[in-house]
Amino acid sequence: MARGRIKWQLNKKGVAQLLRSPGVRADLQKRADRIATAAGPGVDARVWDGFDRTRARVATTTEEADRNQAQYGTLSRAIDAGKG
Protein backbone atom coordinates (compact mmCIF):
# COMPACT_ATOMS: atom_id res chain seq x y z
CA MET A 1 0.00 0.00 0.00
CA ALA A 2 1.44 3.35 -1.02
CA ARG A 3 1.87 6.02 1.58
CA GLY A 4 0.41 9.27 0.42
CA ARG A 5 0.38 12.64 1.98
CA ILE A 6 -2.80 14.34 2.92
CA LYS A 7 -2.75 18.04 2.19
CA TRP A 8 -5.01 20.35 4.10
CA GLN A 9 -5.29 24.06 4.55
CA LEU A 10 -6.53 25.82 7.65
CA ASN A 11 -9.56 28.03 7.12
CA LYS A 12 -8.39 31.09 9.09
CA LYS A 13 -11.70 32.93 8.85
CA GLY A 14 -13.55 29.86 10.09
CA VAL A 15 -11.17 29.43 13.04
CA ALA A 16 -11.53 33.12 13.93
CA GLN A 17 -15.32 32.75 13.76
CA LEU A 18 -15.17 29.73 16.04
CA LEU A 19 -12.92 31.51 18.57
CA ARG A 20 -15.42 34.41 18.74
CA SER A 21 -18.53 32.25 18.89
CA PRO A 22 -21.10 32.53 21.69
CA GLY A 23 -20.29 28.99 22.84
CA VAL A 24 -16.60 29.76 23.32
CA ARG A 25 -17.50 33.02 25.07
CA ALA A 26 -19.88 31.22 27.46
CA ASP A 27 -17.27 28.54 28.21
CA LEU A 28 -14.58 31.13 28.93
CA GLN A 29 -16.97 33.10 31.16
CA LYS A 30 -17.84 29.96 33.12
CA ARG A 31 -14.17 29.01 33.59
CA ALA A 32 -13.11 32.54 34.55
CA ASP A 33 -15.95 32.82 37.06
CA ARG A 34 -14.97 29.51 38.68
CA ILE A 35 -11.35 30.65 38.97
CA ALA A 36 -12.39 34.00 40.47
CA THR A 37 -14.66 32.27 42.98
CA ALA A 38 -11.91 29.82 43.98
CA ALA A 39 -9.41 32.66 44.39
CA GLY A 40 -11.65 34.38 46.92
CA PRO A 41 -13.05 37.85 47.52
CA GLY A 42 -11.58 40.78 45.65
CA VAL A 43 -10.99 38.84 42.44
CA ASP A 44 -12.92 39.68 39.27
CA ALA A 45 -13.44 37.80 36.00
CA ARG A 46 -13.83 39.64 32.69
CA VAL A 47 -14.50 38.27 29.19
CA TRP A 48 -14.36 40.36 26.01
CA ASP A 49 -14.10 39.95 22.26
CA GLY A 50 -10.64 40.67 20.91
CA PHE A 51 -9.62 41.18 17.30
CA ASP A 52 -9.29 37.51 16.47
CA ARG A 53 -10.69 35.66 19.50
CA THR A 54 -12.64 35.97 22.71
CA ARG A 55 -10.40 36.62 25.68
CA ALA A 56 -10.79 36.17 29.44
CA ARG A 57 -8.97 37.71 32.38
CA VAL A 58 -9.11 37.03 36.10
CA ALA A 59 -7.49 39.72 38.23
CA THR A 60 -7.44 41.13 41.73
CA THR A 61 -9.53 44.23 42.38
CA THR A 62 -8.75 45.06 46.01
CA GLU A 63 -5.58 45.70 48.00
CA GLU A 64 -6.30 42.73 50.25
CA ALA A 65 -6.61 40.44 47.23
CA ASP A 66 -3.34 41.91 45.88
CA ARG A 67 -1.61 41.08 49.15
CA ASN A 68 -3.03 37.57 49.18
CA GLN A 69 -1.88 37.05 45.61
CA ALA A 70 1.61 38.30 46.43
CA GLN A 71 1.92 36.29 49.63
CA TYR A 72 0.04 33.07 48.82
CA GLY A 73 -0.30 33.02 45.00
CA THR A 74 -4.08 32.73 45.20
CA LEU A 75 -4.63 33.11 41.45
CA SER A 76 -2.05 30.46 40.59
CA ARG A 77 -3.59 28.09 43.12
CA ALA A 78 -7.10 28.71 41.79
CA ILE A 79 -6.29 28.00 38.13
CA ASP A 80 -7.34 24.34 38.39
CA ALA A 81 -10.89 25.46 39.17
CA GLY A 82 -11.16 26.49 35.51
CA LYS A 83 -10.52 23.00 34.20
CA GLY A 84 -13.30 20.83 32.95
PDB file of N, CA and C in Angstrom:
ATOM      1  N   MET A   1       0.847  -1.171   0.000  1.00  0.00           N
ATOM      2  CA  MET A   1       0.000   0.000   0.000  1.00  0.00           C
ATOM      3  C   MET A   1       0.893   1.233   0.000  1.00  0.00           C
ATOM      4  N   ALA A   2       0.638   2.139  -0.901  1.00  0.00           N
ATOM      5  CA  ALA A   2       1.441   3.351  -1.021  1.00  0.00           C
ATOM      6  C   ALA A   2       1.081   4.330   0.084  1.00  0.00           C
ATOM      7  N   ARG A   3       2.099   5.001   0.545  1.00  0.00           N
ATOM      8  CA  ARG A   3       1.872   6.019   1.580  1.00  0.00           C
ATOM      9  C   ARG A   3       1.751   7.369   0.892  1.00  0.00           C
ATOM     10  N   GLY A   4       0.629   7.955   1.018  1.00  0.00           N
ATOM     11  CA  GLY A   4       0.406   9.267   0.418  1.00  0.00           C
ATOM     12  C   GLY A   4       0.314  10.336   1.486  1.00  0.00           C
ATOM     13  N   ARG A   5       0.504  11.519   1.059  1.00  0.00           N
ATOM     14  CA  ARG A   5       0.379  12.644   1.979  1.00  0.00           C
ATOM     15  C   ARG A   5      -0.989  13.266   1.830  1.00  0.00           C
ATOM     16  N   ILE A   6      -1.525  13.634   2.934  1.00  0.00           N
ATOM     17  CA  ILE A   6      -2.802  14.337   2.919  1.00  0.00           C
ATOM     18  C   ILE A   6      -2.487  15.817   3.062  1.00  0.00           C
ATOM     19  N   LYS A   7      -2.973  16.590   2.131  1.00  0.00           N
ATOM     20  CA  LYS A   7      -2.754  18.036   2.190  1.00  0.00           C
ATOM     21  C   LYS A   7      -4.036  18.688   2.687  1.00  0.00           C
ATOM     22  N   TRP A   8      -3.870  19.609   3.605  1.00  0.00           N
ATOM     23  CA  TRP A   8      -5.006  20.351   4.105  1.00  0.00           C
ATOM     24  C   TRP A   8      -4.584  21.781   4.357  1.00  0.00           C
ATOM     25  N   GLN A   9      -5.556  22.642   4.334  1.00  0.00           N
ATOM     26  CA  GLN A   9      -5.288  24.058   4.547  1.00  0.00           C
ATOM     27  C   GLN A   9      -6.258  24.579   5.594  1.00  0.00           C
ATOM     28  N   LEU A  10      -5.732  25.280   6.576  1.00  0.00           N
ATOM     29  CA  LEU A  10      -6.534  25.820   7.654  1.00  0.00           C
ATOM     30  C   LEU A  10      -7.388  26.984   7.153  1.00  0.00           C
ATOM     31  N   ASN A  11      -8.659  26.951   7.478  1.00  0.00           N
ATOM     32  CA  ASN A  11      -9.565  28.031   7.124  1.00  0.00           C
ATOM     33  C   ASN A  11      -9.485  29.085   8.233  1.00  0.00           C
ATOM     34  N   LYS A  12      -8.656  30.093   8.044  1.00  0.00           N
ATOM     35  CA  LYS A  12      -8.394  31.087   9.089  1.00  0.00           C
ATOM     36  C   LYS A  12      -9.641  31.864   9.490  1.00  0.00           C
ATOM     37  N   LYS A  13     -10.468  32.205   8.518  1.00  0.00           N
ATOM     38  CA  LYS A  13     -11.701  32.930   8.851  1.00  0.00           C
ATOM     39  C   LYS A  13     -12.634  32.057   9.678  1.00  0.00           C
ATOM     40  N   GLY A  14     -12.698  30.785   9.343  1.00  0.00           N
ATOM     41  CA  GLY A  14     -13.548  29.859  10.094  1.00  0.00           C
ATOM     42  C   GLY A  14     -13.058  29.673  11.521  1.00  0.00           C
ATOM     43  N   VAL A  15     -11.745  29.581  11.694  1.00  0.00           N
ATOM     44  CA  VAL A  15     -11.173  29.434  13.037  1.00  0.00           C
ATOM     45  C   VAL A  15     -11.449  30.690  13.853  1.00  0.00           C
ATOM     46  N   ALA A  16     -11.263  31.855  13.238  1.00  0.00           N
ATOM     47  CA  ALA A  16     -11.529  33.121  13.933  1.00  0.00           C
ATOM     48  C   ALA A  16     -13.002  33.210  14.330  1.00  0.00           C
ATOM     49  N   GLN A  17     -13.889  32.750  13.441  1.00  0.00           N
ATOM     50  CA  GLN A  17     -15.321  32.747  13.761  1.00  0.00           C
ATOM     51  C   GLN A  17     -15.611  31.832  14.947  1.00  0.00           C
ATOM     52  N   LEU A  18     -14.979  30.680  14.943  1.00  0.00           N
ATOM     53  CA  LEU A  18     -15.166  29.731  16.045  1.00  0.00           C
ATOM     54  C   LEU A  18     -14.675  30.323  17.365  1.00  0.00           C
ATOM     55  N   LEU A  19     -13.506  30.960  17.345  1.00  0.00           N
ATOM     56  CA  LEU A  19     -12.921  31.508  18.568  1.00  0.00           C
ATOM     57  C   LEU A  19     -13.686  32.721  19.101  1.00  0.00           C
ATOM     58  N   ARG A  20     -14.579  33.293  18.286  1.00  0.00           N
ATOM     59  CA  ARG A  20     -15.418  34.409  18.736  1.00  0.00           C
ATOM     60  C   ARG A  20     -16.875  33.994  18.901  1.00  0.00           C
ATOM     61  N   SER A  21     -17.147  32.716  18.838  1.00  0.00           N
ATOM     62  CA  SER A  21     -18.532  32.245  18.886  1.00  0.00           C
ATOM     63  C   SER A  21     -19.121  32.373  20.295  1.00  0.00           C
ATOM     64  N   PRO A  22     -20.443  32.434  20.379  1.00  0.00           N
ATOM     65  CA  PRO A  22     -21.097  32.533  21.690  1.00  0.00           C
ATOM     66  C   PRO A  22     -20.782  31.342  22.595  1.00  0.00           C
ATOM     67  N   GLY A  23     -20.614  30.167  22.030  1.00  0.00           N
ATOM     68  CA  GLY A  23     -20.289  28.991  22.839  1.00  0.00           C
ATOM     69  C   GLY A  23     -18.933  29.095  23.498  1.00  0.00           C
ATOM     70  N   VAL A  24     -17.940  29.579  22.757  1.00  0.00           N
ATOM     71  CA  VAL A  24     -16.604  29.763  23.321  1.00  0.00           C
ATOM     72  C   VAL A  24     -16.644  30.855  24.381  1.00  0.00           C
ATOM     73  N   ARG A  25     -17.378  31.922  24.098  1.00  0.00           N
ATOM     74  CA  ARG A  25     -17.496  33.017  25.073  1.00  0.00           C
ATOM     75  C   ARG A  25     -18.127  32.523  26.377  1.00  0.00           C
ATOM     76  N   ALA A  26     -19.202  31.736  26.269  1.00  0.00           N
ATOM     77  CA  ALA A  26     -19.876  31.216  27.461  1.00  0.00           C
ATOM     78  C   ALA A  26     -18.952  30.281  28.244  1.00  0.00           C
ATOM     79  N   ASP A  27     -18.189  29.450  27.542  1.00  0.00           N
ATOM     80  CA  ASP A  27     -17.269  28.542  28.213  1.00  0.00           C
ATOM     81  C   ASP A  27     -16.167  29.315  28.946  1.00  0.00           C
ATOM     82  N   LEU A  28     -15.612  30.323  28.289  1.00  0.00           N
ATOM     83  CA  LEU A  28     -14.578  31.134  28.932  1.00  0.00           C
ATOM     84  C   LEU A  28     -15.132  31.878  30.150  1.00  0.00           C
ATOM     85  N   GLN A  29     -16.348  32.389  30.030  1.00  0.00           N
ATOM     86  CA  GLN A  29     -16.965  33.099  31.164  1.00  0.00           C
ATOM     87  C   GLN A  29     -17.147  32.156  32.345  1.00  0.00           C
ATOM     88  N   LYS A  30     -17.624  30.947  32.068  1.00  0.00           N
ATOM     89  CA  LYS A  30     -17.841  29.960  33.122  1.00  0.00           C
ATOM     90  C   LYS A  30     -16.524  29.610  33.810  1.00  0.00           C
ATOM     91  N   ARG A  31     -15.472  29.367  33.027  1.00  0.00           N
ATOM     92  CA  ARG A  31     -14.173  29.006  33.592  1.00  0.00           C
ATOM     93  C   ARG A  31     -13.574  30.158  34.396  1.00  0.00           C
ATOM     94  N   ALA A  32     -13.654  31.379  33.845  1.00  0.00           N
ATOM     95  CA  ALA A  32     -13.108  32.543  34.546  1.00  0.00           C
ATOM     96  C   ALA A  32     -13.849  32.793  35.853  1.00  0.00           C
ATOM     97  N   ASP A  33     -15.164  32.633  35.837  1.00  0.00           N
ATOM     98  CA  ASP A  33     -15.950  32.819  37.062  1.00  0.00           C
ATOM     99  C   ASP A  33     -15.573  31.793  38.128  1.00  0.00           C
ATOM    100  N   ARG A  34     -15.361  30.541  37.712  1.00  0.00           N
ATOM    101  CA  ARG A  34     -14.966  29.506  38.676  1.00  0.00           C
ATOM    102  C   ARG A  34     -13.603  29.810  39.283  1.00  0.00           C
ATOM    103  N   ILE A  35     -12.679  30.297  38.469  1.00  0.00           N
ATOM    104  CA  ILE A  35     -11.346  30.648  38.973  1.00  0.00           C
ATOM    105  C   ILE A  35     -11.454  31.813  39.953  1.00  0.00           C
ATOM    106  N   ALA A  36     -12.230  32.839  39.592  1.00  0.00           N
ATOM    107  CA  ALA A  36     -12.391  34.001  40.469  1.00  0.00           C
ATOM    108  C   ALA A  36     -13.026  33.606  41.791  1.00  0.00           C
ATOM    109  N   THR A  37     -14.001  32.730  41.751  1.00  0.00           N
ATOM    110  CA  THR A  37     -14.656  32.270  42.978  1.00  0.00           C
ATOM    111  C   THR A  37     -13.676  31.487  43.854  1.00  0.00           C
ATOM    112  N   ALA A  38     -12.883  30.622  43.223  1.00  0.00           N
ATOM    113  CA  ALA A  38     -11.913  29.822  43.978  1.00  0.00           C
ATOM    114  C   ALA A  38     -10.806  30.688  44.570  1.00  0.00           C
ATOM    115  N   ALA A  39     -10.471  31.784  43.905  1.00  0.00           N
ATOM    116  CA  ALA A  39      -9.406  32.661  44.390  1.00  0.00           C
ATOM    117  C   ALA A  39      -9.848  33.483  45.593  1.00  0.00           C
ATOM    118  N   GLY A  40     -11.147  33.682  45.745  1.00  0.00           N
ATOM    119  CA  GLY A  40     -11.649  34.380  46.916  1.00  0.00           C
ATOM    120  C   GLY A  40     -12.138  35.784  46.637  1.00  0.00           C
ATOM    121  N   PRO A  41     -12.516  36.504  47.693  1.00  0.00           N
ATOM    122  CA  PRO A  41     -13.053  37.849  47.518  1.00  0.00           C
ATOM    123  C   PRO A  41     -11.993  38.810  46.970  1.00  0.00           C
ATOM    124  N   GLY A  42     -12.480  39.784  46.218  1.00  0.00           N
ATOM    125  CA  GLY A  42     -11.575  40.781  45.647  1.00  0.00           C
ATOM    126  C   GLY A  42     -10.955  40.361  44.335  1.00  0.00           C
ATOM    127  N   VAL A  43     -11.493  39.316  43.725  1.00  0.00           N
ATOM    128  CA  VAL A  43     -10.992  38.838  42.438  1.00  0.00           C
ATOM    129  C   VAL A  43     -12.143  38.897  41.445  1.00  0.00           C
ATOM    130  N   ASP A  44     -11.886  39.457  40.264  1.00  0.00           N
ATOM    131  CA  ASP A  44     -12.921  39.685  39.270  1.00  0.00           C
ATOM    132  C   ASP A  44     -12.577  38.957  37.977  1.00  0.00           C
ATOM    133  N   ALA A  45     -13.606  38.449  37.297  1.00  0.00           N
ATOM    134  CA  ALA A  45     -13.443  37.797  35.997  1.00  0.00           C
ATOM    135  C   ALA A  45     -14.055  38.686  34.925  1.00  0.00           C
ATOM    136  N   ARG A  46     -13.358  38.811  33.800  1.00  0.00           N
ATOM    137  CA  ARG A  46     -13.834  39.637  32.689  1.00  0.00           C
ATOM    138  C   ARG A  46     -13.614  38.883  31.390  1.00  0.00           C
ATOM    139  N   VAL A  47     -14.610  38.902  30.508  1.00  0.00           N
ATOM    140  CA  VAL A  47     -14.505  38.273  29.192  1.00  0.00           C
ATOM    141  C   VAL A  47     -14.867  39.323  28.156  1.00  0.00           C
ATOM    142  N   TRP A  48     -14.092  39.396  27.075  1.00  0.00           N
ATOM    143  CA  TRP A  48     -14.361  40.361  26.013  1.00  0.00           C
ATOM    144  C   TRP A  48     -13.927  39.783  24.675  1.00  0.00           C
ATOM    145  N   ASP A  49     -14.449  40.374  23.608  1.00  0.00           N
ATOM    146  CA  ASP A  49     -14.096  39.949  22.261  1.00  0.00           C
ATOM    147  C   ASP A  49     -12.905  40.754  21.778  1.00  0.00           C
ATOM    148  N   GLY A  50     -11.825  40.044  21.468  1.00  0.00           N
ATOM    149  CA  GLY A  50     -10.640  40.671  20.913  1.00  0.00           C
ATOM    150  C   GLY A  50     -10.729  40.699  19.396  1.00  0.00           C
ATOM    151  N   PHE A  51      -9.653  41.076  18.753  1.00  0.00           N
ATOM    152  CA  PHE A  51      -9.625  41.176  17.297  1.00  0.00           C
ATOM    153  C   PHE A  51      -9.874  39.826  16.638  1.00  0.00           C
ATOM    154  N   ASP A  52      -9.197  38.801  17.125  1.00  0.00           N
ATOM    155  CA  ASP A  52      -9.288  37.505  16.469  1.00  0.00           C
ATOM    156  C   ASP A  52      -9.839  36.392  17.343  1.00  0.00           C
ATOM    157  N   ARG A  53     -10.155  36.693  18.612  1.00  0.00           N
ATOM    158  CA  ARG A  53     -10.685  35.664  19.504  1.00  0.00           C
ATOM    159  C   ARG A  53     -11.303  36.304  20.735  1.00  0.00           C
ATOM    160  N   THR A  54     -12.089  35.530  21.431  1.00  0.00           N
ATOM    161  CA  THR A  54     -12.638  35.975  22.707  1.00  0.00           C
ATOM    162  C   THR A  54     -11.582  35.745  23.772  1.00  0.00           C
ATOM    163  N   ARG A  55     -11.443  36.690  24.666  1.00  0.00           N
ATOM    164  CA  ARG A  55     -10.403  36.623  25.684  1.00  0.00           C
ATOM    165  C   ARG A  55     -11.023  36.695  27.074  1.00  0.00           C
ATOM    166  N   ALA A  56     -10.326  36.133  28.053  1.00  0.00           N
ATOM    167  CA  ALA A  56     -10.789  36.169  29.439  1.00  0.00           C
ATOM    168  C   ALA A  56      -9.629  36.585  30.331  1.00  0.00           C
ATOM    169  N   ARG A  57      -9.974  37.278  31.411  1.00  0.00           N
ATOM    170  CA  ARG A  57      -8.967  37.714  32.383  1.00  0.00           C
ATOM    171  C   ARG A  57      -9.549  37.587  33.782  1.00  0.00           C
ATOM    172  N   VAL A  58      -8.745  37.081  34.686  1.00  0.00           N
ATOM    173  CA  VAL A  58      -9.111  37.031  36.096  1.00  0.00           C
ATOM    174  C   VAL A  58      -8.040  37.824  36.832  1.00  0.00           C
ATOM    175  N   ALA A  59      -8.462  38.832  37.586  1.00  0.00           N
ATOM    176  CA  ALA A  59      -7.494  39.720  38.233  1.00  0.00           C
ATOM    177  C   ALA A  59      -8.009  40.174  39.597  1.00  0.00           C
ATOM    178  N   THR A  60      -7.073  40.587  40.425  1.00  0.00           N
ATOM    179  CA  THR A  60      -7.439  41.126  41.734  1.00  0.00           C
ATOM    180  C   THR A  60      -7.988  42.536  41.562  1.00  0.00           C
ATOM    181  N   THR A  61      -8.918  42.900  42.458  1.00  0.00           N
ATOM    182  CA  THR A  61      -9.528  44.230  42.378  1.00  0.00           C
ATOM    183  C   THR A  61      -9.429  45.002  43.686  1.00  0.00           C
ATOM    184  N   THR A  62      -8.888  44.378  44.717  1.00  0.00           N
ATOM    185  CA  THR A  62      -8.746  45.060  46.008  1.00  0.00           C
ATOM    186  C   THR A  62      -7.308  44.910  46.500  1.00  0.00           C
ATOM    187  N   GLU A  63      -6.937  45.780  47.427  1.00  0.00           N
ATOM    188  CA  GLU A  63      -5.584  45.697  47.996  1.00  0.00           C
ATOM    189  C   GLU A  63      -5.385  44.403  48.784  1.00  0.00           C
ATOM    190  N   GLU A  64      -6.417  43.980  49.486  1.00  0.00           N
ATOM    191  CA  GLU A  64      -6.304  42.733  50.250  1.00  0.00           C
ATOM    192  C   GLU A  64      -6.071  41.541  49.311  1.00  0.00           C
ATOM    193  N   ALA A  65      -6.798  41.519  48.205  1.00  0.00           N
ATOM    194  CA  ALA A  65      -6.606  40.438  47.228  1.00  0.00           C
ATOM    195  C   ALA A  65      -5.211  40.520  46.607  1.00  0.00           C
ATOM    196  N   ASP A  66      -4.709  41.739  46.377  1.00  0.00           N
ATOM    197  CA  ASP A  66      -3.335  41.911  45.879  1.00  0.00           C
ATOM    198  C   ASP A  66      -2.321  41.324  46.861  1.00  0.00           C
ATOM    199  N   ARG A  67      -2.521  41.614  48.137  1.00  0.00           N
ATOM    200  CA  ARG A  67      -1.608  41.084  49.154  1.00  0.00           C
ATOM    201  C   ARG A  67      -1.675  39.554  49.215  1.00  0.00           C
ATOM    202  N   ASN A  68      -2.887  39.025  49.169  1.00  0.00           N
ATOM    203  CA  ASN A  68      -3.032  37.570  49.183  1.00  0.00           C
ATOM    204  C   ASN A  68      -2.377  36.926  47.962  1.00  0.00           C
ATOM    205  N   GLN A  69      -2.520  37.561  46.825  1.00  0.00           N
ATOM    206  CA  GLN A  69      -1.884  37.048  45.613  1.00  0.00           C
ATOM    207  C   GLN A  69      -0.363  37.083  45.759  1.00  0.00           C
ATOM    208  N   ALA A  70       0.161  38.177  46.274  1.00  0.00           N
ATOM    209  CA  ALA A  70       1.615  38.304  46.429  1.00  0.00           C
ATOM    210  C   ALA A  70       2.159  37.327  47.465  1.00  0.00           C
ATOM    211  N   GLN A  71       1.429  37.133  48.542  1.00  0.00           N
ATOM    212  CA  GLN A  71       1.921  36.291  49.630  1.00  0.00           C
ATOM    213  C   GLN A  71       1.647  34.804  49.401  1.00  0.00           C
ATOM    214  N   TYR A  72       0.450  34.470  48.907  1.00  0.00           N
ATOM    215  CA  TYR A  72       0.037  33.069  48.815  1.00  0.00           C
ATOM    216  C   TYR A  72      -0.140  32.554  47.381  1.00  0.00           C
ATOM    217  N   GLY A  73      -0.097  33.450  46.384  1.00  0.00           N
ATOM    218  CA  GLY A  73      -0.299  33.017  45.000  1.00  0.00           C
ATOM    219  C   GLY A  73      -1.706  32.492  44.755  1.00  0.00           C
ATOM    220  N   THR A  74      -2.705  33.224  45.250  1.00  0.00           N
ATOM    221  CA  THR A  74      -4.083  32.735  45.199  1.00  0.00           C
ATOM    222  C   THR A  74      -4.574  32.485  43.773  1.00  0.00           C
ATOM    223  N   LEU A  75      -4.175  33.313  42.831  1.00  0.00           N
ATOM    224  CA  LEU A  75      -4.630  33.107  41.446  1.00  0.00           C
ATOM    225  C   LEU A  75      -3.986  31.860  40.850  1.00  0.00           C
ATOM    226  N   SER A  76      -2.733  31.654  41.107  1.00  0.00           N
ATOM    227  CA  SER A  76      -2.054  30.462  40.589  1.00  0.00           C
ATOM    228  C   SER A  76      -2.661  29.198  41.191  1.00  0.00           C
ATOM    229  N   ARG A  77      -3.006  29.261  42.456  1.00  0.00           N
ATOM    230  CA  ARG A  77      -3.589  28.090  43.116  1.00  0.00           C
ATOM    231  C   ARG A  77      -5.018  27.818  42.652  1.00  0.00           C
ATOM    232  N   ALA A  78      -5.700  28.861  42.188  1.00  0.00           N
ATOM    233  CA  ALA A  78      -7.101  28.713  41.789  1.00  0.00           C
ATOM    234  C   ALA A  78      -7.261  28.300  40.324  1.00  0.00           C
ATOM    235  N   ILE A  79      -6.193  28.254  39.568  1.00  0.00           N
ATOM    236  CA  ILE A  79      -6.292  28.002  38.128  1.00  0.00           C
ATOM    237  C   ILE A  79      -6.944  26.658  37.816  1.00  0.00           C
ATOM    238  N   ASP A  80      -6.747  25.657  38.653  1.00  0.00           N
ATOM    239  CA  ASP A  80      -7.338  24.344  38.394  1.00  0.00           C
ATOM    240  C   ASP A  80      -8.857  24.362  38.463  1.00  0.00           C
ATOM    241  N   ALA A  81      -9.432  25.359  39.106  1.00  0.00           N
ATOM    242  CA  ALA A  81     -10.887  25.460  39.173  1.00  0.00           C
ATOM    243  C   ALA A  81     -11.491  25.717  37.781  1.00  0.00           C
ATOM    244  N   GLY A  82     -10.687  26.221  36.858  1.00  0.00           N
ATOM    245  CA  GLY A  82     -11.164  26.491  35.511  1.00  0.00           C
ATOM    246  C   GLY A  82     -11.133  25.296  34.583  1.00  0.00           C
ATOM    247  N   LYS A  83     -10.579  24.196  35.043  1.00  0.00           N
ATOM    248  CA  LYS A  83     -10.518  22.995  34.197  1.00  0.00           C
ATOM    249  C   LYS A  83     -11.884  22.323  34.143  1.00  0.00           C
ATOM    250  N   GLY A  84     -12.100  21.654  33.029  1.00  0.00           N
ATOM    251  CA  GLY A  84     -13.304  20.827  32.947  1.00  0.00           C
ATOM    252  C   GLY A  84     -14.405  21.515  32.354  1.00  0.00           C
TER     253      GLY A  84
END
